[in-house]
Protein backbone atom coordinates (compact mmCIF):
# COMPACT_ATOMS: atom_id res chain seq x y z
CA UNK A 1 -0.33 23.59 -8.00
CA UNK A 2 2.70 24.44 -10.08
CA UNK A 3 1.92 25.53 -13.66
CA UNK A 4 4.07 22.74 -15.13
CA UNK A 5 2.13 19.97 -13.36
CA UNK A 6 0.29 17.63 -15.72
CA UNK A 7 -2.87 15.65 -15.06
CA UNK A 8 -1.90 12.00 -15.67
CA UNK A 9 -3.93 8.92 -16.54
CA UNK A 10 -2.78 5.33 -16.01
CA UNK A 11 -4.73 2.84 -18.09
CA UNK A 12 -4.61 -0.93 -17.61
CA UNK A 13 -3.47 -2.36 -20.96
CA UNK A 14 -3.65 -6.01 -19.86
CA UNK A 15 -4.16 -7.86 -16.61
CA UNK A 16 -3.90 -11.34 -15.12
CA UNK A 17 -4.79 -9.87 -11.71
CA UNK A 18 -8.34 -10.16 -10.33
CA UNK A 19 -8.12 -6.55 -9.09
CA UNK A 20 -7.81 -4.99 -12.56
CA UNK A 21 -9.48 -5.30 -15.94
CA UNK A 22 -8.16 -3.89 -19.21
CA UNK A 23 -9.36 -0.31 -19.59
CA UNK A 24 -9.41 0.46 -15.84
CA UNK A 25 -8.05 3.95 -15.16
CA UNK A 26 -6.27 5.74 -12.35
CA UNK A 27 -6.09 9.53 -12.57
CA UNK A 28 -3.48 11.72 -10.87
CA UNK A 29 -4.17 15.44 -10.68
CA UNK A 30 -0.71 16.75 -9.86
CA UNK A 31 0.39 14.97 -6.68
CA UNK A 32 -3.16 13.87 -5.78
CA UNK A 33 -5.05 10.73 -6.69
CA UNK A 34 -8.37 11.80 -8.23
CA UNK A 35 -10.66 9.51 -6.20
CA UNK A 36 -13.78 10.64 -8.07
CA UNK A 37 -12.51 9.51 -11.47
CA UNK A 38 -10.26 6.59 -10.50
CA UNK A 39 -10.78 2.96 -9.74
CA UNK A 40 -8.99 1.19 -6.91
CA UNK A 41 -5.22 1.34 -6.97
CA UNK A 42 -3.06 -1.36 -5.43
CA UNK A 43 -0.05 -0.21 -3.40
CA UNK A 44 2.21 -2.76 -5.15
CA UNK A 45 1.31 -1.22 -8.51
CA UNK A 46 1.95 2.25 -7.09
CA UNK A 47 5.47 1.21 -6.08
CA UNK A 48 6.21 0.19 -9.67
CA UNK A 49 4.75 3.20 -11.48
CA UNK A 50 5.47 6.05 -9.05
CA UNK A 51 8.74 7.27 -10.68
CA UNK A 52 7.02 7.35 -14.08
CA UNK A 53 3.93 9.12 -12.73
CA UNK A 54 6.16 11.72 -11.10
CA UNK A 55 8.10 12.31 -14.34
CA UNK A 56 4.87 12.47 -16.36
CA UNK A 57 3.48 15.10 -13.99
CA UNK A 58 6.48 17.20 -14.99
CA UNK A 59 5.85 16.61 -18.71
CA UNK A 60 8.07 13.57 -19.43
CA UNK A 61 5.82 10.72 -20.56
CA UNK A 62 7.20 7.34 -21.57
CA UNK A 63 5.67 5.15 -24.27
CA UNK A 64 7.02 2.05 -22.54
CA UNK A 65 4.55 -0.24 -20.77
CA UNK A 66 4.75 -0.21 -16.96
CA UNK A 67 4.34 -3.50 -15.13
CA UNK A 68 3.31 -4.28 -11.58
CA UNK A 69 5.89 -6.58 -9.90
CA UNK A 70 3.46 -8.45 -7.65
CA UNK A 71 3.66 -12.26 -7.96
CA UNK A 72 2.66 -13.85 -11.25
CA UNK A 73 -0.40 -11.64 -11.60
CA UNK A 74 0.96 -9.48 -14.36
CA UNK A 75 -0.67 -6.07 -14.83
CA UNK A 76 0.57 -3.77 -17.58
CA UNK A 77 -0.21 -0.06 -17.45
CA UNK A 78 0.17 2.68 -20.05
CA UNK A 79 0.61 6.28 -18.98
CA UNK A 80 -0.98 9.26 -20.75
CA UNK A 81 -1.55 12.94 -20.25
CA UNK A 82 -5.18 13.23 -19.09
């Protein structure tokens, strides 16, 4: 893995979706999903957060909330360096 890669953590800030609860976490270790430390991760949510996860892996982390676009089941994520 490249030395500038960051380990990233997505944390559910709020959720109206039955698949997520506030506090749920998804961990990315470079380009890989850390299955041992992560909960389930919906592919619709991945489509929304992927550009931000990629940027965060390279050291650019946004403070803005990230929202899943699926239906009316709003899920808001926050992204952190793990």
